[in-house]
């Protein structure tokens, strides 16, 4: 019986982890590292762990606010366990960022510390406003990606900044589409998302516009040589993400836009990597994957 009681909070704290949000953030942080001309894997791992820890803190705070403050969800873990886990995770995050600082990755720290603010403020503050509830996770992704590159270089390149901007815009459009699915429930809890504020049709048009804006940004960055010309392969994919809003159901729109986000990100990464001969490009060349 004691073993079962001990395991219950552990299971609950494991359940708080949400891979749907965690893995893309850690993956983009790793991608940022791999775009550097040279890479120190130890630094990259420290940065990725800091990003993962910030996401876990966000999930813990979200669980506490939704289950115990707003009574929107059934608690999966006790208040006490959440408190201890949040304190420990915050300490781990601070140790990891302090380690980055001691290594000399000062600009990486400048983009990583805000992730803790996003994590702590998401549920109680940002989740209550239609703009911040839409952009906080996309901004976090952009910071994780930029921070990964800065951890290795300490200087942000135009290409990396451009990719971060495109991802932030694209994912904001996807977030609006996701919130369209939750509109009826969000209205019952007075959660002011863009679909709640503007309605299904107008918010769908806004989601499509964000995908079109992402396509425009890629085109503009390619014209001014921030992106290589090959990055224009992203444009039809982003436009397809806009088109599905008007020709599929809301559920299908989310699935298709989410599916498109991966090849869009991969294309931006690989074209930029090939153009700059980044670490990843040289590695796959050595093992013969590029012929």
C-alpha atoms as a PDB file:
ATOM      1  CA  UNK A   1       0.000   0.000   0.000  1.00  0.00           C
ATOM      2  CA  UNK A   2       2.838   2.398   0.822  1.00  0.00           C
ATOM      3  CA  UNK A   3       4.484   1.606  -2.507  1.00  0.00           C
ATOM      4  CA  UNK A   4       1.264   2.432  -4.318  1.00  0.00           C
ATOM      5  CA  UNK A   5       0.907   5.746  -2.483  1.00  0.00           C
ATOM      6  CA  UNK A   6       4.506   6.638  -3.277  1.00  0.00           C
ATOM      7  CA  UNK A   7       4.047   5.802  -6.952  1.00  0.00           C
ATOM      8  CA  UNK A   8       0.842   7.830  -7.368  1.00  0.00           C
ATOM      9  CA  UNK A   9       2.459  11.303  -7.360  1.00  0.00           C
ATOM     10  CA  UNK A  10       5.263  10.009  -9.595  1.00  0.00           C
ATOM     11  CA  UNK A  11       2.718   8.731 -12.117  1.00  0.00           C
ATOM     12  CA  UNK A  12       0.835  12.006 -11.884  1.00  0.00           C
ATOM     13  CA  UNK A  13       3.973  14.074 -12.458  1.00  0.00           C
ATOM     14  CA  UNK A  14       4.865  11.887 -15.443  1.00  0.00           C
ATOM     15  CA  UNK A  15       1.373  12.443 -16.823  1.00  0.00           C
ATOM     16  CA  UNK A  16       1.943  16.203 -16.732  1.00  0.00           C
ATOM     17  CA  UNK A  17       4.596  15.808 -19.439  1.00  0.00           C
ATOM     18  CA  UNK A  18       3.005  16.580 -22.823  1.00  0.00           C
ATOM     19  CA  UNK A  19       5.174  15.222 -25.667  1.00  0.00           C
ATOM     20  CA  UNK A  20       3.089  17.071 -28.280  1.00  0.00           C
ATOM     21  CA  UNK A  21       4.530  20.334 -26.954  1.00  0.00           C
ATOM     22  CA  UNK A  22       7.802  19.084 -25.444  1.00  0.00           C
ATOM     23  CA  UNK A  23       9.317  17.273 -28.429  1.00  0.00           C
ATOM     24  CA  UNK A  24       8.941  20.082 -31.026  1.00  0.00           C
ATOM     25  CA  UNK A  25      10.542  22.576 -28.614  1.00  0.00           C
ATOM     26  CA  UNK A  26      13.493  20.319 -27.826  1.00  0.00           C
ATOM     27  CA  UNK A  27      13.784  19.353 -31.496  1.00  0.00           C
ATOM     28  CA  UNK A  28      13.948  22.964 -32.673  1.00  0.00           C
ATOM     29  CA  UNK A  29      16.519  23.740 -29.968  1.00  0.00           C
ATOM     30  CA  UNK A  30      18.649  20.868 -31.270  1.00  0.00           C
ATOM     31  CA  UNK A  31      18.144  22.072 -34.851  1.00  0.00           C
ATOM     32  CA  UNK A  32      19.400  25.520 -33.874  1.00  0.00           C
ATOM     33  CA  UNK A  33      22.558  23.931 -32.477  1.00  0.00           C
ATOM     34  CA  UNK A  34      23.104  21.875 -35.623  1.00  0.00           C
ATOM     35  CA  UNK A  35      22.917  24.959 -37.852  1.00  0.00           C
ATOM     36  CA  UNK A  36      26.104  26.310 -36.279  1.00  0.00           C
ATOM     37  CA  UNK A  37      29.372  26.028 -38.230  1.00  0.00           C
ATOM     38  CA  UNK A  38      30.865  24.045 -35.331  1.00  0.00           C
ATOM     39  CA  UNK A  39      29.190  22.359 -32.415  1.00  0.00           C
ATOM     40  CA  UNK A  40      30.015  21.509 -28.808  1.00  0.00           C
ATOM     41  CA  UNK A  41      27.589  18.695 -27.997  1.00  0.00           C
ATOM     42  CA  UNK A  42      27.844  19.258 -24.238  1.00  0.00           C
ATOM     43  CA  UNK A  43      26.627  22.846 -24.627  1.00  0.00           C
ATOM     44  CA  UNK A  44      23.888  21.700 -26.982  1.00  0.00           C
ATOM     45  CA  UNK A  45      22.650  19.118 -24.488  1.00  0.00           C
ATOM     46  CA  UNK A  46      22.636  21.650 -21.643  1.00  0.00           C
ATOM     47  CA  UNK A  47      20.596  24.077 -23.724  1.00  0.00           C
ATOM     48  CA  UNK A  48      18.128  21.395 -24.858  1.00  0.00           C
ATOM     49  CA  UNK A  49      17.660  20.246 -21.257  1.00  0.00           C
ATOM     50  CA  UNK A  50      16.978  23.828 -20.182  1.00  0.00           C
ATOM     51  CA  UNK A  51      14.295  24.128 -22.887  1.00  0.00           C
ATOM     52  CA  UNK A  52      12.731  20.819 -21.829  1.00  0.00           C
ATOM     53  CA  UNK A  53      12.764  21.871 -18.180  1.00  0.00           C
ATOM     54  CA  UNK A  54      11.032  25.171 -18.986  1.00  0.00           C
ATOM     55  CA  UNK A  55       8.295  23.266 -20.852  1.00  0.00           C
ATOM     56  CA  UNK A  56       7.856  20.929 -17.891  1.00  0.00           C
ATOM     57  CA  UNK A  57       7.481  23.896 -15.541  1.00  0.00           C
ATOM     58  CA  UNK A  58       4.831  25.306 -17.897  1.00  0.00           C
ATOM     59  CA  UNK A  59       2.949  21.996 -17.767  1.00  0.00           C
ATOM     60  CA  UNK A  60       3.125  21.899 -13.958  1.00  0.00           C
ATOM     61  CA  UNK A  61       1.839  25.455 -13.601  1.00  0.00           C
ATOM     62  CA  UNK A  62      -0.857  24.738 -16.182  1.00  0.00           C
ATOM     63  CA  UNK A  63      -1.964  21.666 -14.214  1.00  0.00           C
ATOM     64  CA  UNK A  64      -2.107  23.656 -10.972  1.00  0.00           C
ATOM     65  CA  UNK A  65      -4.050  26.584 -12.430  1.00  0.00           C
ATOM     66  CA  UNK A  66      -6.521  24.518 -14.471  1.00  0.00           C
ATOM     67  CA  UNK A  67      -7.172  21.901 -11.765  1.00  0.00           C
ATOM     68  CA  UNK A  68      -6.977  23.871  -8.528  1.00  0.00           C
ATOM     69  CA  UNK A  69      -7.577  27.549  -9.363  1.00  0.00           C
ATOM     70  CA  UNK A  70     -10.129  27.432 -12.185  1.00  0.00           C
ATOM     71  CA  UNK A  71     -11.483  23.904 -11.595  1.00  0.00           C
ATOM     72  CA  UNK A  72     -11.462  23.237 -15.345  1.00  0.00           C
ATOM     73  CA  UNK A  73      -9.750  19.829 -15.150  1.00  0.00           C
ATOM     74  CA  UNK A  74      -9.694  16.832 -12.834  1.00  0.00           C
ATOM     75  CA  UNK A  75      -6.382  16.925 -10.889  1.00  0.00           C
ATOM     76  CA  UNK A  76      -3.901  14.217 -11.858  1.00  0.00           C
ATOM     77  CA  UNK A  77      -1.485  15.095  -9.041  1.00  0.00           C
ATOM     78  CA  UNK A  78      -1.726  16.772  -5.631  1.00  0.00           C
ATOM     79  CA  UNK A  79      -0.994  20.459  -4.941  1.00  0.00           C
ATOM     80  CA  UNK A  80       1.904  19.463  -2.735  1.00  0.00           C
ATOM     81  CA  UNK A  81       3.503  17.295  -5.408  1.00  0.00           C
ATOM     82  CA  UNK A  82       3.109  20.072  -7.979  1.00  0.00           C
ATOM     83  CA  UNK A  83       4.720  22.550  -5.580  1.00  0.00           C
ATOM     84  CA  UNK A  84       7.727  20.335  -4.910  1.00  0.00           C
ATOM     85  CA  UNK A  85       8.122  19.404  -8.585  1.00  0.00           C
ATOM     86  CA  UNK A  86       7.908  23.046  -9.691  1.00  0.00           C
ATOM     87  CA  UNK A  87      10.537  24.099  -7.149  1.00  0.00           C
ATOM     88  CA  UNK A  88      12.895  21.298  -8.183  1.00  0.00           C
ATOM     89  CA  UNK A  89      12.373  21.904 -11.909  1.00  0.00           C
ATOM     90  CA  UNK A  90      12.966  25.644 -11.462  1.00  0.00           C
ATOM     91  CA  UNK A  91      16.190  24.931  -9.585  1.00  0.00           C
ATOM     92  CA  UNK A  92      17.318  22.585 -12.362  1.00  0.00           C
ATOM     93  CA  UNK A  93      16.510  25.229 -14.985  1.00  0.00           C
ATOM     94  CA  UNK A  94      18.505  27.863 -13.113  1.00  0.00           C
ATOM     95  CA  UNK A  95      21.474  25.506 -12.710  1.00  0.00           C
ATOM     96  CA  UNK A  96      21.430  24.723 -16.438  1.00  0.00           C
ATOM     97  CA  UNK A  97      21.256  28.395 -17.457  1.00  0.00           C
ATOM     98  CA  UNK A  98      23.973  29.249 -14.925  1.00  0.00           C
ATOM     99  CA  UNK A  99      26.119  26.573 -16.527  1.00  0.00           C
ATOM    100  CA  UNK A 100      25.545  28.144 -19.956  1.00  0.00           C
ATOM    101  CA  UNK A 101      26.584  31.503 -18.496  1.00  0.00           C
ATOM    102  CA  UNK A 102      29.755  30.084 -16.970  1.00  0.00           C
ATOM    103  CA  UNK A 103      30.631  28.481 -20.294  1.00  0.00           C
ATOM    104  CA  UNK A 104      30.351  31.922 -21.881  1.00  0.00           C
ATOM    105  CA  UNK A 105      27.101  31.410 -23.838  1.00  0.00           C
ATOM    106  CA  UNK A 106      25.748  34.759 -22.668  1.00  0.00           C
ATOM    107  CA  UNK A 107      23.410  35.446 -25.589  1.00  0.00           C
ATOM    108  CA  UNK A 108      22.013  31.909 -25.338  1.00  0.00           C
ATOM    109  CA  UNK A 109      21.141  32.641 -21.713  1.00  0.00           C
ATOM    110  CA  UNK A 110      19.428  35.864 -22.821  1.00  0.00           C
ATOM    111  CA  UNK A 111      17.101  33.831 -25.062  1.00  0.00           C
ATOM    112  CA  UNK A 112      16.667  30.930 -22.623  1.00  0.00           C
ATOM    113  CA  UNK A 113      15.754  32.793 -19.414  1.00  0.00           C
ATOM    114  CA  UNK A 114      12.593  34.260 -21.028  1.00  0.00           C
ATOM    115  CA  UNK A 115      11.369  30.677 -21.459  1.00  0.00           C
ATOM    116  CA  UNK A 116      10.988  30.475 -17.683  1.00  0.00           C
ATOM    117  CA  UNK A 117       8.849  33.621 -17.724  1.00  0.00           C
ATOM    118  CA  UNK A 118       6.703  32.155 -20.502  1.00  0.00           C
ATOM    119  CA  UNK A 119       6.379  28.925 -18.515  1.00  0.00           C
ATOM    120  CA  UNK A 120       5.317  30.583 -15.274  1.00  0.00           C
ATOM    121  CA  UNK A 121       3.003  33.176 -16.837  1.00  0.00           C
ATOM    122  CA  UNK A 122       1.335  31.049 -19.524  1.00  0.00           C
ATOM    123  CA  UNK A 123      -1.568  29.580 -17.539  1.00  0.00           C
ATOM    124  CA  UNK A 124      -2.322  32.413 -15.086  1.00  0.00           C
ATOM    125  CA  UNK A 125      -1.744  35.393 -17.437  1.00  0.00           C
ATOM    126  CA  UNK A 126      -1.093  34.670 -21.117  1.00  0.00           C
ATOM    127  CA  UNK A 127      -3.850  32.063 -21.340  1.00  0.00           C
ATOM    128  CA  UNK A 128      -6.406  34.798 -20.588  1.00  0.00           C
ATOM    129  CA  UNK A 129      -5.696  37.140 -23.521  1.00  0.00           C
ATOM    130  CA  UNK A 130      -6.495  36.310 -27.183  1.00  0.00           C
ATOM    131  CA  UNK A 131      -3.130  37.523 -28.505  1.00  0.00           C
ATOM    132  CA  UNK A 132      -0.793  36.084 -25.874  1.00  0.00           C
ATOM    133  CA  UNK A 133      -2.608  32.728 -25.745  1.00  0.00           C
ATOM    134  CA  UNK A 134      -1.959  32.506 -29.497  1.00  0.00           C
ATOM    135  CA  UNK A 135       1.681  33.580 -29.689  1.00  0.00           C
ATOM    136  CA  UNK A 136       3.351  32.515 -26.438  1.00  0.00           C
ATOM    137  CA  UNK A 137       4.193  28.933 -27.509  1.00  0.00           C
ATOM    138  CA  UNK A 138       5.301  29.994 -31.039  1.00  0.00           C
ATOM    139  CA  UNK A 139       7.521  32.661 -29.470  1.00  0.00           C
ATOM    140  CA  UNK A 140       8.925  29.997 -27.154  1.00  0.00           C
ATOM    141  CA  UNK A 141       9.746  27.819 -30.176  1.00  0.00           C
ATOM    142  CA  UNK A 142      11.475  30.756 -31.873  1.00  0.00           C
ATOM    143  CA  UNK A 143      13.501  31.457 -28.723  1.00  0.00           C
ATOM    144  CA  UNK A 144      14.456  27.781 -28.339  1.00  0.00           C
ATOM    145  CA  UNK A 145      15.633  27.638 -31.965  1.00  0.00           C
ATOM    146  CA  UNK A 146      17.569  30.908 -31.774  1.00  0.00           C
ATOM    147  CA  UNK A 147      19.034  29.956 -28.391  1.00  0.00           C
ATOM    148  CA  UNK A 148      20.315  26.667 -29.767  1.00  0.00           C
ATOM    149  CA  UNK A 149      22.268  28.495 -32.455  1.00  0.00           C
ATOM    150  CA  UNK A 150      23.491  31.148 -30.022  1.00  0.00           C
ATOM    151  CA  UNK A 151      24.691  28.475 -27.598  1.00  0.00           C
ATOM    152  CA  UNK A 152      27.241  27.488 -30.235  1.00  0.00           C
ATOM    153  CA  UNK A 153      28.056  30.817 -31.880  1.00  0.00           C
ATOM    154  CA  UNK A 154      27.056  33.654 -29.492  1.00  0.00           C
ATOM    155  CA  UNK A 155      26.059  35.652 -32.615  1.00  0.00           C
ATOM    156  CA  UNK A 156      22.693  35.398 -34.366  1.00  0.00           C
ATOM    157  CA  UNK A 157      22.770  35.065 -38.171  1.00  0.00           C
ATOM    158  CA  UNK A 158      20.154  36.560 -40.460  1.00  0.00           C
ATOM    159  CA  UNK A 159      19.115  33.123 -41.692  1.00  0.00           C
ATOM    160  CA  UNK A 160      18.496  31.788 -38.194  1.00  0.00           C
ATOM    161  CA  UNK A 161      16.551  34.902 -37.223  1.00  0.00           C
ATOM    162  CA  UNK A 162      14.501  34.561 -40.407  1.00  0.00           C
ATOM    163  CA  UNK A 163      13.644  30.918 -39.695  1.00  0.00           C
ATOM    164  CA  UNK A 164      12.648  31.817 -36.127  1.00  0.00           C
ATOM    165  CA  UNK A 165      10.329  34.551 -37.442  1.00  0.00           C
ATOM    166  CA  UNK A 166       8.700  32.261 -40.018  1.00  0.00           C
ATOM    167  CA  UNK A 167       8.146  29.521 -37.428  1.00  0.00           C
ATOM    168  CA  UNK A 168       6.593  31.984 -34.974  1.00  0.00           C
ATOM    169  CA  UNK A 169       4.123  33.216 -37.615  1.00  0.00           C
ATOM    170  CA  UNK A 170       3.321  29.760 -38.978  1.00  0.00           C
ATOM    171  CA  UNK A 171       2.747  28.209 -35.540  1.00  0.00           C
ATOM    172  CA  UNK A 172       0.581  31.140 -34.491  1.00  0.00           C
ATOM    173  CA  UNK A 173      -1.690  30.322 -37.430  1.00  0.00           C
ATOM    174  CA  UNK A 174      -1.757  26.672 -36.363  1.00  0.00           C
ATOM    175  CA  UNK A 175      -2.588  27.695 -32.790  1.00  0.00           C
ATOM    176  CA  UNK A 176      -5.600  29.674 -33.995  1.00  0.00           C
ATOM    177  CA  UNK A 177      -6.814  26.607 -35.893  1.00  0.00           C
ATOM    178  CA  UNK A 178      -6.429  24.485 -32.756  1.00  0.00           C
ATOM    179  CA  UNK A 179      -8.339  27.054 -30.719  1.00  0.00           C
ATOM    180  CA  UNK A 180     -11.170  26.904 -33.261  1.00  0.00           C
ATOM    181  CA  UNK A 181     -11.688  23.281 -32.214  1.00  0.00           C
ATOM    182  CA  UNK A 182     -11.939  24.307 -28.547  1.00  0.00           C
ATOM    183  CA  UNK A 183     -14.127  27.379 -29.111  1.00  0.00           C
ATOM    184  CA  UNK A 184     -17.335  25.968 -27.574  1.00  0.00           C
ATOM    185  CA  UNK A 185     -15.566  24.757 -24.432  1.00  0.00           C
ATOM    186  CA  UNK A 186     -13.492  27.923 -24.107  1.00  0.00           C
ATOM    187  CA  UNK A 187     -16.677  30.012 -24.171  1.00  0.00           C
ATOM    188  CA  UNK A 188     -17.998  28.094 -21.150  1.00  0.00           C
ATOM    189  CA  UNK A 189     -14.888  28.967 -19.099  1.00  0.00           C
ATOM    190  CA  UNK A 190     -14.599  32.567 -20.319  1.00  0.00           C
ATOM    191  CA  UNK A 191     -11.313  31.889 -22.096  1.00  0.00           C
ATOM    192  CA  UNK A 192     -10.827  34.661 -24.659  1.00  0.00           C
ATOM    193  CA  UNK A 193      -9.102  33.046 -27.620  1.00  0.00           C
ATOM    194  CA  UNK A 194      -9.191  34.561 -31.100  1.00  0.00           C
ATOM    195  CA  UNK A 195     -11.956  32.146 -32.239  1.00  0.00           C
ATOM    196  CA  UNK A 196     -14.024  33.066 -29.171  1.00  0.00           C
ATOM    197  CA  UNK A 197     -13.466  36.749 -29.899  1.00  0.00           C
ATOM    198  CA  UNK A 198     -13.957  36.699 -33.682  1.00  0.00           C
ATOM    199  CA  UNK A 199     -15.984  33.556 -34.395  1.00  0.00           C
ATOM    200  CA  UNK A 200     -15.133  30.490 -36.478  1.00  0.00           C
ATOM    201  CA  UNK A 201     -15.153  32.010 -39.969  1.00  0.00           C
ATOM    202  CA  UNK A 202     -13.147  35.153 -39.233  1.00  0.00           C
ATOM    203  CA  UNK A 203     -10.622  33.332 -37.032  1.00  0.00           C
ATOM    204  CA  UNK A 204     -10.229  30.731 -39.795  1.00  0.00           C
ATOM    205  CA  UNK A 205      -9.418  33.549 -42.202  1.00  0.00           C
ATOM    206  CA  UNK A 206      -6.862  34.900 -39.698  1.00  0.00           C
ATOM    207  CA  UNK A 207      -5.249  31.432 -39.430  1.00  0.00           C
ATOM    208  CA  UNK A 208      -5.052  31.274 -43.226  1.00  0.00           C
ATOM    209  CA  UNK A 209      -3.601  34.800 -43.344  1.00  0.00           C
ATOM    210  CA  UNK A 210      -0.843  33.770 -40.934  1.00  0.00           C
ATOM    211  CA  UNK A 211       0.150  30.930 -43.272  1.00  0.00           C
ATOM    212  CA  UNK A 212       0.103  33.334 -46.230  1.00  0.00           C
ATOM    213  CA  UNK A 213       2.257  35.760 -44.229  1.00  0.00           C
ATOM    214  CA  UNK A 214       4.735  32.934 -43.574  1.00  0.00           C
ATOM    215  CA  UNK A 215       4.921  32.327 -47.347  1.00  0.00           C
ATOM    216  CA  UNK A 216       5.448  36.046 -47.967  1.00  0.00           C
ATOM    217  CA  UNK A 217       8.225  36.193 -45.367  1.00  0.00           C
ATOM    218  CA  UNK A 218      10.041  33.246 -46.932  1.00  0.00           C
ATOM    219  CA  UNK A 219       9.761  34.854 -50.368  1.00  0.00           C
ATOM    220  CA  UNK A 220      11.009  38.204 -49.078  1.00  0.00           C
ATOM    221  CA  UNK A 221      13.925  36.632 -47.208  1.00  0.00           C
ATOM    222  CA  UNK A 222      14.888  34.705 -50.351  1.00  0.00           C
ATOM    223  CA  UNK A 223      14.760  37.887 -52.476  1.00  0.00           C
ATOM    224  CA  UNK A 224      17.124  39.742 -50.113  1.00  0.00           C
ATOM    225  CA  UNK A 225      19.382  36.657 -49.835  1.00  0.00           C
ATOM    226  CA  UNK A 226      18.709  36.044 -46.138  1.00  0.00           C
ATOM    227  CA  UNK A 227      17.422  32.632 -47.243  1.00  0.00           C
ATOM    228  CA  UNK A 228      18.834  30.635 -50.174  1.00  0.00           C
ATOM    229  CA  UNK A 229      16.581  30.439 -53.248  1.00  0.00           C
ATOM    230  CA  UNK A 230      15.920  26.774 -52.460  1.00  0.00           C
ATOM    231  CA  UNK A 231      13.945  27.874 -49.380  1.00  0.00           C
ATOM    232  CA  UNK A 232      11.181  28.964 -51.778  1.00  0.00           C
ATOM    233  CA  UNK A 233      10.096  25.310 -51.747  1.00  0.00           C
ATOM    234  CA  UNK A 234       8.374  26.246 -48.469  1.00  0.00           C
ATOM    235  CA  UNK A 235       6.021  28.729 -50.182  1.00  0.00           C
ATOM    236  CA  UNK A 236       3.582  26.225 -51.763  1.00  0.00           C
ATOM    237  CA  UNK A 237       3.464  24.247 -48.516  1.00  0.00           C
ATOM    238  CA  UNK A 238       2.593  27.338 -46.493  1.00  0.00           C
ATOM    239  CA  UNK A 239      -0.038  28.366 -49.059  1.00  0.00           C
ATOM    240  CA  UNK A 240      -1.517  24.865 -48.870  1.00  0.00           C
ATOM    241  CA  UNK A 241      -1.759  25.361 -45.109  1.00  0.00           C
ATOM    242  CA  UNK A 242      -3.828  28.472 -45.807  1.00  0.00           C
ATOM    243  CA  UNK A 243      -6.020  26.783 -48.426  1.00  0.00           C
ATOM    244  CA  UNK A 244      -7.060  23.858 -46.231  1.00  0.00           C
ATOM    245  CA  UNK A 245      -8.839  26.290 -43.894  1.00  0.00           C
ATOM    246  CA  UNK A 246     -11.466  26.882 -46.577  1.00  0.00           C
ATOM    247  CA  UNK A 247     -11.850  23.391 -48.041  1.00  0.00           C
ATOM    248  CA  UNK A 248     -11.656  20.985 -45.100  1.00  0.00           C
ATOM    249  CA  UNK A 249     -13.303  20.552 -41.708  1.00  0.00           C
ATOM    250  CA  UNK A 250     -11.754  22.251 -38.678  1.00  0.00           C
ATOM    251  CA  UNK A 251     -10.432  18.919 -37.415  1.00  0.00           C
ATOM    252  CA  UNK A 252      -8.851  18.093 -40.780  1.00  0.00           C
ATOM    253  CA  UNK A 253      -7.435  21.617 -41.010  1.00  0.00           C
ATOM    254  CA  UNK A 254      -5.567  21.164 -37.730  1.00  0.00           C
ATOM    255  CA  UNK A 255      -4.228  17.767 -38.744  1.00  0.00           C
ATOM    256  CA  UNK A 256      -3.070  18.985 -42.157  1.00  0.00           C
ATOM    257  CA  UNK A 257      -1.512  22.208 -40.866  1.00  0.00           C
ATOM    258  CA  UNK A 258       0.263  20.291 -38.132  1.00  0.00           C
ATOM    259  CA  UNK A 259       1.494  17.762 -40.690  1.00  0.00           C
ATOM    260  CA  UNK A 260       2.728  20.550 -42.994  1.00  0.00           C
ATOM    261  CA  UNK A 261       4.631  22.256 -40.159  1.00  0.00           C
ATOM    262  CA  UNK A 262       7.189  19.437 -40.117  1.00  0.00           C
ATOM    263  CA  UNK A 263       8.281  19.495 -43.795  1.00  0.00           C
ATOM    264  CA  UNK A 264       8.212  23.300 -43.722  1.00  0.00           C
ATOM    265  CA  UNK A 265      10.570  23.343 -40.739  1.00  0.00           C
ATOM    266  CA  UNK A 266      12.742  20.611 -42.253  1.00  0.00           C
ATOM    267  CA  UNK A 267      12.993  22.472 -45.563  1.00  0.00           C
ATOM    268  CA  UNK A 268      13.955  25.741 -43.901  1.00  0.00           C
ATOM    269  CA  UNK A 269      16.584  23.903 -41.857  1.00  0.00           C
ATOM    270  CA  UNK A 270      18.115  21.831 -44.660  1.00  0.00           C
ATOM    271  CA  UNK A 271      18.238  24.649 -47.216  1.00  0.00           C
ATOM    272  CA  UNK A 272      19.852  27.020 -44.716  1.00  0.00           C
ATOM    273  CA  UNK A 273      22.203  24.289 -43.546  1.00  0.00           C
ATOM    274  CA  UNK A 274      23.311  23.447 -47.092  1.00  0.00           C
ATOM    275  CA  UNK A 275      23.826  27.119 -47.926  1.00  0.00           C
ATOM    276  CA  UNK A 276      26.033  27.738 -44.891  1.00  0.00           C
ATOM    277  CA  UNK A 277      27.668  24.288 -44.748  1.00  0.00           C
ATOM    278  CA  UNK A 278      26.604  23.874 -41.148  1.00  0.00           C
ATOM    279  CA  UNK A 279      27.668  21.115 -38.771  1.00  0.00           C
ATOM    280  CA  UNK A 280      24.842  18.810 -39.790  1.00  0.00           C
ATOM    281  CA  UNK A 281      25.614  19.278 -43.509  1.00  0.00           C
ATOM    282  CA  UNK A 282      29.273  18.384 -43.016  1.00  0.00           C
ATOM    283  CA  UNK A 283      28.390  15.383 -40.834  1.00  0.00           C
ATOM    284  CA  UNK A 284      26.001  13.805 -43.341  1.00  0.00           C
ATOM    285  CA  UNK A 285      28.571  14.495 -46.044  1.00  0.00           C
ATOM    286  CA  UNK A 286      31.206  12.557 -44.093  1.00  0.00           C
ATOM    287  CA  UNK A 287      28.992   9.524 -43.629  1.00  0.00           C
ATOM    288  CA  UNK A 288      28.064   9.557 -47.306  1.00  0.00           C
ATOM    289  CA  UNK A 289      24.400  10.557 -47.034  1.00  0.00           C
ATOM    290  CA  UNK A 290      24.903  13.352 -49.566  1.00  0.00           C
ATOM    291  CA  UNK A 291      26.522  11.087 -52.114  1.00  0.00           C
END
